[in-house]
């Protein structure tokens, strides 16, 4: 179900919308499509940012473990005099 809203846009923006929408698409349909794409992109960016934070947190912990293993190997493989 669609809701009717009223917004104010500059003449320049309306001209650009009309030009991009062409004769086959209404302003409303064009604006809805553009906003849906924008909102989808924003949602994906939020998910990607959260995933990156989780990966970075895990990477920091794994790097600490790797450094510990490498120190252990270095002491075990160190030449004796």
N, C-alpha and C. Protein backbone atom coordinates (compact mmCIF):
# COMPACT_ATOMS: atom_id res chain seq x y z
N UNK A 1 0.84 -1.17 0.00
CA UNK A 1 0.00 0.00 0.00
C UNK A 1 0.89 1.24 0.00
N UNK A 2 0.55 2.19 -0.79
CA UNK A 2 1.34 3.41 -0.90
C UNK A 2 0.72 4.51 -0.08
N UNK A 3 1.59 5.36 0.43
CA UNK A 3 1.18 6.54 1.20
C UNK A 3 1.45 7.76 0.34
N UNK A 4 0.57 8.70 0.37
CA UNK A 4 0.76 9.95 -0.35
C UNK A 4 1.52 10.91 0.55
N UNK A 5 2.59 11.52 0.01
CA UNK A 5 3.38 12.49 0.76
C UNK A 5 3.56 13.73 -0.11
N UNK A 6 3.90 14.79 0.55
CA UNK A 6 4.15 16.04 -0.16
C UNK A 6 5.56 16.49 0.16
N UNK A 7 6.36 16.72 -0.88
CA UNK A 7 7.72 17.23 -0.68
C UNK A 7 7.94 18.41 -1.61
N UNK A 8 8.87 19.25 -1.26
CA UNK A 8 9.21 20.40 -2.10
C UNK A 8 10.59 20.16 -2.69
N UNK A 9 10.68 20.25 -4.00
CA UNK A 9 11.94 20.08 -4.71
C UNK A 9 12.19 21.31 -5.58
N UNK A 10 13.45 21.60 -5.79
CA UNK A 10 13.78 22.75 -6.64
C UNK A 10 13.40 22.44 -8.09
N UNK A 11 13.20 23.49 -8.84
CA UNK A 11 12.86 23.36 -10.26
C UNK A 11 13.95 22.59 -11.00
N UNK A 12 15.20 22.88 -10.67
CA UNK A 12 16.33 22.19 -11.31
C UNK A 12 16.26 20.69 -11.09
N UNK A 13 15.97 20.29 -9.85
CA UNK A 13 15.87 18.85 -9.55
C UNK A 13 14.71 18.23 -10.30
N UNK A 14 13.58 18.91 -10.35
CA UNK A 14 12.43 18.37 -11.09
C UNK A 14 12.73 18.21 -12.57
N UNK A 15 13.41 19.18 -13.15
CA UNK A 15 13.79 19.09 -14.57
C UNK A 15 14.68 17.88 -14.78
N UNK A 16 15.64 17.67 -13.89
CA UNK A 16 16.55 16.53 -14.02
C UNK A 16 15.81 15.21 -13.83
N UNK A 17 14.87 15.16 -12.89
CA UNK A 17 14.06 13.95 -12.70
C UNK A 17 13.26 13.66 -13.96
N UNK A 18 12.59 14.67 -14.50
CA UNK A 18 11.79 14.49 -15.71
C UNK A 18 12.65 14.00 -16.87
N UNK A 19 13.84 14.55 -16.98
CA UNK A 19 14.74 14.17 -18.08
C UNK A 19 15.18 12.71 -17.91
N UNK A 20 15.52 12.32 -16.70
CA UNK A 20 16.01 10.95 -16.48
C UNK A 20 14.88 9.93 -16.51
N UNK A 21 13.72 10.29 -16.00
CA UNK A 21 12.59 9.36 -15.97
C UNK A 21 12.04 9.13 -17.36
N UNK A 22 12.09 10.15 -18.20
CA UNK A 22 11.56 10.03 -19.55
C UNK A 22 10.04 9.98 -19.53
N UNK A 23 9.47 9.72 -20.68
CA UNK A 23 8.02 9.72 -20.81
C UNK A 23 7.39 8.45 -20.25
N UNK A 24 8.18 7.40 -20.10
CA UNK A 24 7.62 6.12 -19.68
C UNK A 24 7.51 5.92 -18.18
N UNK A 25 7.95 6.89 -17.39
CA UNK A 25 7.95 6.69 -15.94
C UNK A 25 7.51 7.99 -15.25
N UNK A 26 6.66 7.86 -14.28
CA UNK A 26 6.19 9.04 -13.55
C UNK A 26 7.29 9.52 -12.60
N UNK A 27 7.16 10.76 -12.17
CA UNK A 27 8.09 11.29 -11.17
C UNK A 27 8.06 10.43 -9.91
N UNK A 28 6.86 10.10 -9.48
CA UNK A 28 6.72 9.30 -8.25
C UNK A 28 7.44 7.96 -8.37
N UNK A 29 7.24 7.28 -9.50
CA UNK A 29 7.89 5.98 -9.69
C UNK A 29 9.40 6.13 -9.74
N UNK A 30 9.86 7.17 -10.43
CA UNK A 30 11.30 7.42 -10.53
C UNK A 30 11.89 7.69 -9.14
N UNK A 31 11.27 8.58 -8.39
CA UNK A 31 11.77 8.93 -7.06
C UNK A 31 11.74 7.72 -6.14
N UNK A 32 10.68 6.92 -6.21
CA UNK A 32 10.61 5.72 -5.38
C UNK A 32 11.73 4.75 -5.72
N UNK A 33 11.99 4.56 -7.01
CA UNK A 33 13.06 3.66 -7.44
C UNK A 33 14.42 4.14 -6.94
N UNK A 34 14.67 5.43 -7.12
CA UNK A 34 15.96 5.99 -6.70
C UNK A 34 16.12 5.88 -5.19
N UNK A 35 15.08 6.21 -4.44
CA UNK A 35 15.17 6.12 -2.98
C UNK A 35 15.33 4.68 -2.52
N UNK A 36 14.64 3.75 -3.14
CA UNK A 36 14.77 2.33 -2.77
C UNK A 36 16.21 1.86 -3.01
N UNK A 37 16.80 2.28 -4.15
CA UNK A 37 18.19 1.91 -4.43
C UNK A 37 19.13 2.53 -3.40
N UNK A 38 18.91 3.78 -3.07
CA UNK A 38 19.74 4.48 -2.10
C UNK A 38 19.64 3.80 -0.73
N UNK A 39 18.43 3.52 -0.30
CA UNK A 39 18.23 2.88 1.01
C UNK A 39 18.85 1.49 1.05
N UNK A 40 18.73 0.76 -0.05
CA UNK A 40 19.37 -0.56 -0.13
C UNK A 40 20.88 -0.45 -0.03
N UNK A 41 21.44 0.53 -0.72
CA UNK A 41 22.89 0.75 -0.68
C UNK A 41 23.34 1.12 0.74
N UNK A 42 22.59 1.98 1.40
CA UNK A 42 22.94 2.37 2.77
C UNK A 42 22.88 1.17 3.70
N UNK A 43 21.88 0.32 3.55
CA UNK A 43 21.76 -0.87 4.39
C UNK A 43 22.94 -1.80 4.15
N UNK A 44 23.33 -1.99 2.89
CA UNK A 44 24.48 -2.85 2.57
C UNK A 44 25.76 -2.27 3.17
N UNK A 45 25.91 -0.95 3.09
CA UNK A 45 27.10 -0.31 3.66
C UNK A 45 27.18 -0.50 5.17
N UNK A 46 26.04 -0.45 5.85
CA UNK A 46 26.02 -0.68 7.29
C UNK A 46 26.42 -2.10 7.63
N UNK A 47 25.89 -3.07 6.86
CA UNK A 47 26.24 -4.47 7.08
C UNK A 47 27.73 -4.69 6.82
N UNK A 48 28.24 -4.10 5.72
CA UNK A 48 29.66 -4.25 5.38
C UNK A 48 30.55 -3.62 6.45
N UNK A 49 30.15 -2.47 6.98
CA UNK A 49 30.93 -1.82 8.04
C UNK A 49 30.96 -2.68 9.29
N UNK A 50 29.80 -3.26 9.65
CA UNK A 50 29.75 -4.14 10.82
C UNK A 50 30.61 -5.39 10.58
N UNK A 51 30.52 -5.97 9.37
CA UNK A 51 31.33 -7.15 9.06
C UNK A 51 32.81 -6.82 9.11
N UNK A 52 33.19 -5.66 8.58
CA UNK A 52 34.59 -5.26 8.60
C UNK A 52 35.09 -5.10 10.04
N UNK A 53 34.26 -4.52 10.89
CA UNK A 53 34.63 -4.37 12.29
C UNK A 53 34.86 -5.74 12.94
N UNK A 54 33.97 -6.68 12.66
CA UNK A 54 34.12 -8.04 13.21
C UNK A 54 35.38 -8.71 12.69
N UNK A 55 35.64 -8.56 11.39
CA UNK A 55 36.84 -9.15 10.80
C UNK A 55 38.10 -8.53 11.39
N UNK A 56 38.10 -7.21 11.55
CA UNK A 56 39.27 -6.55 12.12
C UNK A 56 39.50 -6.99 13.56
N UNK A 57 38.44 -7.12 14.33
CA UNK A 57 38.57 -7.56 15.70
C UNK A 57 39.14 -8.98 15.74
N UNK A 58 38.63 -9.86 14.89
CA UNK A 58 39.13 -11.24 14.83
C UNK A 58 40.57 -11.26 14.33
N UNK A 59 40.89 -10.40 13.37
CA UNK A 59 42.25 -10.35 12.83
C UNK A 59 43.24 -9.93 13.90
N UNK A 60 42.87 -8.96 14.73
CA UNK A 60 43.76 -8.52 15.81
C UNK A 60 44.05 -9.69 16.76
N UNK A 61 43.03 -10.44 17.12
CA UNK A 61 43.22 -11.58 18.01
C UNK A 61 44.07 -12.66 17.35
N UNK A 62 43.82 -12.92 16.07
CA UNK A 62 44.60 -13.94 15.36
C UNK A 62 46.05 -13.50 15.19
N UNK A 63 46.27 -12.21 14.95
CA UNK A 63 47.65 -11.72 14.83
C UNK A 63 48.42 -11.91 16.13
N UNK A 64 47.78 -11.70 17.25
CA UNK A 64 48.42 -11.92 18.55
C UNK A 64 48.80 -13.40 18.68
N UNK A 65 47.91 -14.29 18.30
CA UNK A 65 48.18 -15.72 18.38
C UNK A 65 49.34 -16.10 17.47
N UNK A 66 49.36 -15.57 16.26
CA UNK A 66 50.43 -15.88 15.30
C UNK A 66 51.77 -15.40 15.83
N UNK A 67 51.79 -14.19 16.38
CA UNK A 67 53.04 -13.68 16.95
C UNK A 67 53.53 -14.58 18.08
N UNK A 68 52.62 -15.07 18.89
CA UNK A 68 52.98 -15.97 19.98
C UNK A 68 53.57 -17.27 19.44
N UNK A 69 52.95 -17.83 18.42
CA UNK A 69 53.45 -19.07 17.81
C UNK A 69 54.83 -18.83 17.19
N UNK A 70 54.99 -17.71 16.50
CA UNK A 70 56.29 -17.43 15.87
C UNK A 70 57.39 -17.24 16.92
N UNK A 71 57.07 -16.58 18.03
CA UNK A 71 58.06 -16.43 19.11
C UNK A 71 58.43 -17.80 19.68
N UNK A 72 57.43 -18.65 19.85
CA UNK A 72 57.68 -20.00 20.37
C UNK A 72 58.58 -20.78 19.41
N UNK A 73 58.27 -20.71 18.11
CA UNK A 73 59.08 -21.42 17.12
C UNK A 73 60.49 -20.87 17.08
N UNK A 74 60.63 -19.57 17.20
CA UNK A 74 61.96 -18.95 17.14
C UNK A 74 62.83 -19.42 18.31
N UNK A 75 62.22 -19.53 19.49
CA UNK A 75 63.00 -19.99 20.64
C UNK A 75 63.32 -21.48 20.55
N UNK A 76 62.44 -22.25 19.97
CA UNK A 76 62.67 -23.71 19.84
C UNK A 76 63.72 -24.00 18.77
N UNK A 77 63.75 -23.17 17.74
CA UNK A 77 64.66 -23.41 16.61
C UNK A 77 65.94 -22.58 16.70
N UNK A 78 66.12 -21.87 17.77
CA UNK A 78 67.31 -21.02 17.92
C UNK A 78 68.52 -21.92 18.07
N UNK A 79 69.60 -21.55 17.37
CA UNK A 79 70.82 -22.37 17.49
C UNK A 79 71.40 -22.30 18.90
N UNK A 80 71.89 -23.42 19.35
CA UNK A 80 72.51 -23.45 20.67
C UNK A 80 74.01 -23.29 20.51
N UNK A 81 74.63 -22.63 21.45
CA UNK A 81 76.08 -22.42 21.34
C UNK A 81 76.83 -23.24 22.32
